[in-house]
Every structure is written in structure tokens, then in C-alpha cells.
Amino acid sequence: MNTFKKGFFLASLAVGIVIIQSCASTSERFRTRSLTDHSIKYKSPVKLKVTGIGCALDSQRAVQKSRSTADYNLRSILGNRRYLTSFREIDRYEENGQICVETEVESRSP
């Protein structure tokens, strides 16, 4: 009987681990994320282009996230300088069940 309890315990433990791992991969799909890698195209000290990528389950949040990521990348380069921005959507694709949007932000003198 003791061997049966050990076998049952090990089987339950294995099933529990499988369930936890499958839930972890599913929860990853529902997380809104942004990619911090960005490319920079210099033109002048204030006029440059930077891209940002954002992923979410719905397109509106993906666009919002990609714009905020691109703007953050631009601010990290320009610092406290004053500038105007214009956004342009470059690419839209699906990755791991999420909609991903790549946005380019261009800065110019005020």
C-alpha cells in the first residue's frame, strides 16, 4: 500500500508540473509587452527617426505600446531638448497569438 501512495504522489506531482507549465505559456500570451531594441537614423542633432515595437492582444493597445516605446527611445537619445514628433506605422504582424505593431517616430525642431 505504501508503494501505491508513492506512485500516486509522483503521478500527481508530474501532472501538476505539466499543468503549471502549460498555464505559464498561456499567460505569456496575455501579457502586453514592448521590445526595447530600436534603430536610429540620424539626420541632425534634433531631426532623427527612431522605431519602437509593441505587442498586445488588441490592435489599439499594440499601437499605443509601440508609440510609447518609440517615444521613450527618442527621449532617451534627445534628453531635455525641445522637439516635435510625428508617428508613422511601419509594420503590423502577429506573433504568439498577439498583434505586434512597429512604429517610427520622427523628431523635428519646434
N, C-alpha and C. Protein backbone atom coordinates (compact mmCIF):
# COMPACT_ATOMS: atom_id res chain seq x y z
N MET A 1 0.83 -1.20 0.00
CA MET A 1 0.00 0.00 0.00
C MET A 1 0.86 1.26 0.00
N ASN A 2 1.98 1.21 0.67
CA ASN A 2 2.88 2.35 0.72
C ASN A 2 3.43 2.67 -0.66
N THR A 3 3.73 1.65 -1.45
CA THR A 3 4.22 1.85 -2.81
C THR A 3 3.15 2.50 -3.68
N PHE A 4 1.90 2.14 -3.46
CA PHE A 4 0.80 2.74 -4.21
C PHE A 4 0.71 4.23 -3.92
N LYS A 5 0.86 4.64 -2.66
CA LYS A 5 0.79 6.06 -2.28
C LYS A 5 1.95 6.84 -2.90
N LYS A 6 3.14 6.23 -2.93
CA LYS A 6 4.28 6.89 -3.55
C LYS A 6 4.05 7.09 -5.05
N GLY A 7 3.55 6.07 -5.71
CA GLY A 7 3.27 6.14 -7.14
C GLY A 7 2.20 7.19 -7.44
N PHE A 8 1.16 7.21 -6.60
CA PHE A 8 0.09 8.19 -6.78
C PHE A 8 0.62 9.60 -6.58
N PHE A 9 1.45 9.77 -5.56
CA PHE A 9 2.04 11.08 -5.28
C PHE A 9 2.91 11.55 -6.45
N LEU A 10 3.76 10.67 -6.97
CA LEU A 10 4.63 11.04 -8.08
C LEU A 10 3.83 11.35 -9.35
N ALA A 11 2.77 10.58 -9.60
CA ALA A 11 1.93 10.84 -10.76
C ALA A 11 1.21 12.18 -10.61
N SER A 12 0.73 12.47 -9.42
CA SER A 12 0.06 13.76 -9.16
C SER A 12 1.03 14.92 -9.32
N LEU A 13 2.26 14.72 -8.85
CA LEU A 13 3.28 15.75 -8.97
C LEU A 13 3.61 16.02 -10.44
N ALA A 14 3.73 14.97 -11.22
CA ALA A 14 4.02 15.11 -12.65
C ALA A 14 2.89 15.85 -13.37
N VAL A 15 1.65 15.50 -13.06
CA VAL A 15 0.50 16.17 -13.68
C VAL A 15 0.47 17.64 -13.27
N GLY A 16 0.77 17.92 -12.02
CA GLY A 16 0.80 19.30 -11.53
C GLY A 16 1.84 20.13 -12.25
N ILE A 17 3.01 19.57 -12.47
CA ILE A 17 4.08 20.29 -13.17
C ILE A 17 3.67 20.59 -14.61
N VAL A 18 3.04 19.62 -15.27
CA VAL A 18 2.59 19.83 -16.65
C VAL A 18 1.55 20.94 -16.70
N ILE A 19 0.63 20.96 -15.77
CA ILE A 19 -0.42 21.99 -15.74
C ILE A 19 0.19 23.37 -15.50
N ILE A 20 1.12 23.46 -14.57
CA ILE A 20 1.76 24.74 -14.27
C ILE A 20 2.52 25.25 -15.49
N GLN A 21 3.24 24.38 -16.17
CA GLN A 21 3.99 24.81 -17.35
C GLN A 21 3.07 25.25 -18.47
N SER A 22 1.97 24.56 -18.66
CA SER A 22 1.05 24.95 -19.74
C SER A 22 0.36 26.27 -19.41
N CYS A 23 0.06 26.51 -18.14
CA CYS A 23 -0.54 27.79 -17.75
C CYS A 23 0.45 28.93 -17.92
N ALA A 24 1.71 28.68 -17.64
CA ALA A 24 2.73 29.73 -17.77
C ALA A 24 2.85 30.16 -19.23
N SER A 25 2.84 29.23 -20.16
CA SER A 25 2.96 29.61 -21.57
C SER A 25 1.70 30.32 -22.05
N THR A 26 0.54 29.98 -21.51
CA THR A 26 -0.70 30.64 -21.87
C THR A 26 -0.74 32.06 -21.33
N SER A 27 -0.27 32.27 -20.10
CA SER A 27 -0.30 33.60 -19.51
C SER A 27 0.65 34.54 -20.24
N GLU A 28 1.71 34.03 -20.83
CA GLU A 28 2.65 34.85 -21.60
C GLU A 28 1.95 35.50 -22.78
N ARG A 29 0.97 34.81 -23.34
CA ARG A 29 0.23 35.34 -24.48
C ARG A 29 -0.59 36.57 -24.12
N PHE A 30 -1.06 36.66 -22.88
CA PHE A 30 -1.94 37.74 -22.47
C PHE A 30 -1.19 38.96 -21.94
N ARG A 31 0.12 38.89 -21.85
CA ARG A 31 0.90 39.99 -21.32
C ARG A 31 1.22 40.98 -22.44
N THR A 32 0.94 42.26 -22.18
CA THR A 32 1.30 43.31 -23.13
C THR A 32 2.79 43.57 -22.97
N ARG A 33 3.49 43.66 -24.09
CA ARG A 33 4.94 43.84 -23.98
C ARG A 33 5.43 44.78 -25.06
N SER A 34 6.62 45.29 -24.82
CA SER A 34 7.28 46.13 -25.83
C SER A 34 8.72 45.69 -25.94
N LEU A 35 9.26 45.82 -27.12
CA LEU A 35 10.64 45.45 -27.36
C LEU A 35 11.48 46.72 -27.31
N THR A 36 12.53 46.69 -26.50
CA THR A 36 13.31 47.91 -26.30
C THR A 36 14.41 48.09 -27.33
N ASP A 37 14.67 47.08 -28.16
CA ASP A 37 15.65 47.27 -29.23
C ASP A 37 15.10 48.30 -30.21
N HIS A 38 15.95 49.21 -30.62
CA HIS A 38 15.49 50.22 -31.57
C HIS A 38 16.61 50.57 -32.53
N SER A 39 16.21 51.06 -33.68
CA SER A 39 17.18 51.51 -34.66
C SER A 39 17.08 53.03 -34.76
N ILE A 40 18.20 53.64 -35.03
CA ILE A 40 18.26 55.10 -35.09
C ILE A 40 18.76 55.51 -36.46
N LYS A 41 18.10 56.48 -37.05
CA LYS A 41 18.53 57.03 -38.33
C LYS A 41 18.82 58.52 -38.10
N TYR A 42 20.09 58.86 -37.97
CA TYR A 42 20.48 60.24 -37.69
C TYR A 42 20.38 61.10 -38.94
N LYS A 43 19.88 62.29 -38.76
CA LYS A 43 19.88 63.29 -39.83
C LYS A 43 20.57 64.55 -39.31
N SER A 44 20.19 65.00 -38.13
CA SER A 44 20.80 66.14 -37.47
C SER A 44 20.62 65.93 -35.96
N PRO A 45 21.18 66.81 -35.13
CA PRO A 45 21.04 66.60 -33.68
C PRO A 45 19.60 66.53 -33.18
N VAL A 46 18.70 67.27 -33.83
CA VAL A 46 17.30 67.25 -33.37
C VAL A 46 16.41 66.48 -34.31
N LYS A 47 16.79 66.33 -35.57
CA LYS A 47 15.93 65.63 -36.53
C LYS A 47 16.46 64.21 -36.72
N LEU A 48 15.77 63.25 -36.17
CA LEU A 48 16.14 61.85 -36.35
C LEU A 48 14.92 60.97 -36.28
N LYS A 49 15.07 59.71 -36.68
CA LYS A 49 13.98 58.74 -36.68
C LYS A 49 14.35 57.57 -35.79
N VAL A 50 13.39 57.13 -34.98
CA VAL A 50 13.57 56.00 -34.07
C VAL A 50 12.35 55.10 -34.18
N THR A 51 12.55 53.80 -34.09
CA THR A 51 11.43 52.86 -34.15
C THR A 51 11.18 52.23 -32.78
N GLY A 52 9.95 51.77 -32.59
CA GLY A 52 9.57 51.05 -31.39
C GLY A 52 8.56 49.98 -31.75
N ILE A 53 8.57 48.89 -31.01
CA ILE A 53 7.66 47.77 -31.26
C ILE A 53 6.86 47.49 -30.00
N GLY A 54 5.55 47.28 -30.16
CA GLY A 54 4.67 46.93 -29.06
C GLY A 54 3.75 45.80 -29.46
N CYS A 55 3.49 44.87 -28.53
CA CYS A 55 2.62 43.72 -28.80
C CYS A 55 1.53 43.64 -27.73
N ALA A 56 0.32 43.32 -28.14
CA ALA A 56 -0.81 43.15 -27.23
C ALA A 56 -1.86 42.30 -27.92
N LEU A 57 -2.90 41.95 -27.17
CA LEU A 57 -3.98 41.13 -27.73
C LEU A 57 -4.86 41.91 -28.69
N ASP A 58 -5.04 43.22 -28.44
CA ASP A 58 -5.86 44.01 -29.36
C ASP A 58 -4.98 45.06 -30.03
N SER A 59 -5.36 45.47 -31.22
CA SER A 59 -4.52 46.34 -32.03
C SER A 59 -4.37 47.73 -31.43
N GLN A 60 -5.40 48.23 -30.76
CA GLN A 60 -5.33 49.57 -30.18
C GLN A 60 -4.25 49.65 -29.11
N ARG A 61 -4.19 48.65 -28.23
CA ARG A 61 -3.15 48.64 -27.19
C ARG A 61 -1.77 48.40 -27.79
N ALA A 62 -1.69 47.62 -28.86
CA ALA A 62 -0.39 47.38 -29.52
C ALA A 62 0.14 48.67 -30.13
N VAL A 63 -0.74 49.46 -30.77
CA VAL A 63 -0.33 50.74 -31.34
C VAL A 63 0.11 51.68 -30.24
N GLN A 64 -0.68 51.74 -29.16
CA GLN A 64 -0.34 52.61 -28.03
C GLN A 64 1.02 52.24 -27.43
N LYS A 65 1.26 50.95 -27.26
CA LYS A 65 2.51 50.48 -26.67
C LYS A 65 3.69 50.76 -27.60
N SER A 66 3.52 50.55 -28.90
CA SER A 66 4.63 50.81 -29.84
C SER A 66 4.94 52.30 -29.91
N ARG A 67 3.92 53.15 -29.85
CA ARG A 67 4.15 54.60 -29.86
C ARG A 67 4.88 55.04 -28.59
N SER A 68 4.45 54.53 -27.44
CA SER A 68 5.11 54.93 -26.19
C SER A 68 6.55 54.41 -26.14
N THR A 69 6.80 53.22 -26.69
CA THR A 69 8.16 52.69 -26.74
C THR A 69 9.04 53.53 -27.66
N ALA A 70 8.54 53.88 -28.83
CA ALA A 70 9.30 54.71 -29.76
C ALA A 70 9.58 56.09 -29.16
N ASP A 71 8.58 56.67 -28.50
CA ASP A 71 8.76 57.98 -27.87
C ASP A 71 9.78 57.90 -26.73
N TYR A 72 9.73 56.83 -25.95
CA TYR A 72 10.69 56.64 -24.87
C TYR A 72 12.11 56.52 -25.44
N ASN A 73 12.27 55.76 -26.51
CA ASN A 73 13.59 55.62 -27.14
C ASN A 73 14.09 56.97 -27.66
N LEU A 74 13.19 57.77 -28.21
CA LEU A 74 13.56 59.08 -28.72
C LEU A 74 13.98 60.00 -27.58
N ARG A 75 13.20 60.02 -26.49
CA ARG A 75 13.55 60.86 -25.34
C ARG A 75 14.87 60.44 -24.71
N SER A 76 15.17 59.13 -24.75
CA SER A 76 16.43 58.68 -24.16
C SER A 76 17.63 59.17 -24.97
N ILE A 77 17.43 59.48 -26.24
CA ILE A 77 18.51 59.98 -27.09
C ILE A 77 18.61 61.50 -27.01
N LEU A 78 17.47 62.19 -27.13
CA LEU A 78 17.47 63.64 -27.18
C LEU A 78 17.54 64.31 -25.81
N GLY A 79 17.15 63.62 -24.78
CA GLY A 79 17.20 64.20 -23.43
C GLY A 79 16.20 65.32 -23.26
N ASN A 80 16.67 66.47 -22.77
CA ASN A 80 15.78 67.59 -22.46
C ASN A 80 15.58 68.57 -23.61
N ARG A 81 16.09 68.27 -24.78
CA ARG A 81 15.89 69.15 -25.93
C ARG A 81 14.42 69.23 -26.30
N ARG A 82 14.02 70.38 -26.83
CA ARG A 82 12.64 70.54 -27.28
C ARG A 82 12.53 70.04 -28.71
N TYR A 83 11.45 69.34 -28.99
CA TYR A 83 11.25 68.81 -30.34
C TYR A 83 9.78 68.49 -30.56
N LEU A 84 9.38 68.42 -31.81
CA LEU A 84 8.04 67.99 -32.21
C LEU A 84 8.15 66.58 -32.77
N THR A 85 7.09 65.81 -32.68
CA THR A 85 7.15 64.43 -33.15
C THR A 85 6.04 64.15 -34.16
N SER A 86 6.31 63.20 -35.03
CA SER A 86 5.27 62.65 -35.91
C SER A 86 5.48 61.14 -35.95
N PHE A 87 4.37 60.40 -35.83
CA PHE A 87 4.41 58.95 -35.77
C PHE A 87 3.95 58.37 -37.10
N ARG A 88 4.53 57.21 -37.46
CA ARG A 88 4.13 56.51 -38.69
C ARG A 88 4.23 55.01 -38.42
N GLU A 89 3.16 54.29 -38.71
CA GLU A 89 3.16 52.83 -38.54
C GLU A 89 3.93 52.19 -39.69
N ILE A 90 4.93 51.38 -39.34
CA ILE A 90 5.77 50.74 -40.35
C ILE A 90 5.27 49.34 -40.68
N ASP A 91 4.98 48.55 -39.65
CA ASP A 91 4.64 47.14 -39.89
C ASP A 91 3.66 46.68 -38.83
N ARG A 92 2.83 45.72 -39.19
CA ARG A 92 1.87 45.09 -38.27
C ARG A 92 1.88 43.60 -38.57
N TYR A 93 2.10 42.79 -37.53
CA TYR A 93 2.16 41.34 -37.72
C TYR A 93 1.68 40.63 -36.47
N GLU A 94 1.49 39.32 -36.56
CA GLU A 94 1.04 38.52 -35.42
C GLU A 94 2.18 37.63 -34.97
N GLU A 95 2.38 37.58 -33.64
CA GLU A 95 3.45 36.77 -33.06
C GLU A 95 2.94 36.16 -31.76
N ASN A 96 2.94 34.84 -31.66
CA ASN A 96 2.49 34.12 -30.46
C ASN A 96 1.08 34.50 -30.04
N GLY A 97 0.19 34.68 -30.98
CA GLY A 97 -1.20 35.00 -30.67
C GLY A 97 -1.43 36.46 -30.32
N GLN A 98 -0.43 37.31 -30.45
CA GLN A 98 -0.57 38.73 -30.17
C GLN A 98 -0.37 39.54 -31.45
N ILE A 99 -0.95 40.73 -31.47
CA ILE A 99 -0.75 41.65 -32.58
C ILE A 99 0.44 42.53 -32.23
N CYS A 100 1.42 42.60 -33.11
CA CYS A 100 2.60 43.43 -32.89
C CYS A 100 2.62 44.55 -33.93
N VAL A 101 2.95 45.74 -33.47
CA VAL A 101 2.99 46.92 -34.33
C VAL A 101 4.36 47.57 -34.19
N GLU A 102 4.98 47.89 -35.32
CA GLU A 102 6.23 48.62 -35.31
C GLU A 102 5.95 50.04 -35.79
N THR A 103 6.34 51.02 -34.97
CA THR A 103 6.05 52.41 -35.24
C THR A 103 7.35 53.20 -35.32
N GLU A 104 7.39 54.14 -36.26
CA GLU A 104 8.54 55.03 -36.39
C GLU A 104 8.13 56.41 -35.91
N VAL A 105 8.97 57.03 -35.09
CA VAL A 105 8.73 58.39 -34.64
C VAL A 105 9.86 59.26 -35.18
N GLU A 106 9.48 60.40 -35.74
CA GLU A 106 10.46 61.34 -36.28
C GLU A 106 10.39 62.63 -35.48
N SER A 107 11.55 63.11 -35.06
CA SER A 107 11.59 64.37 -34.34
C SER A 107 12.03 65.48 -35.27
N ARG A 108 11.57 66.69 -34.97
CA ARG A 108 11.99 67.86 -35.74
C ARG A 108 11.98 69.07 -34.81
N SER A 109 12.68 70.10 -35.21
CA SER A 109 12.76 71.32 -34.40
C SER A 109 11.40 71.97 -34.29
N PRO A 110 11.12 72.58 -33.13
CA PRO A 110 9.82 73.26 -32.95
C PRO A 110 9.74 74.56 -33.74
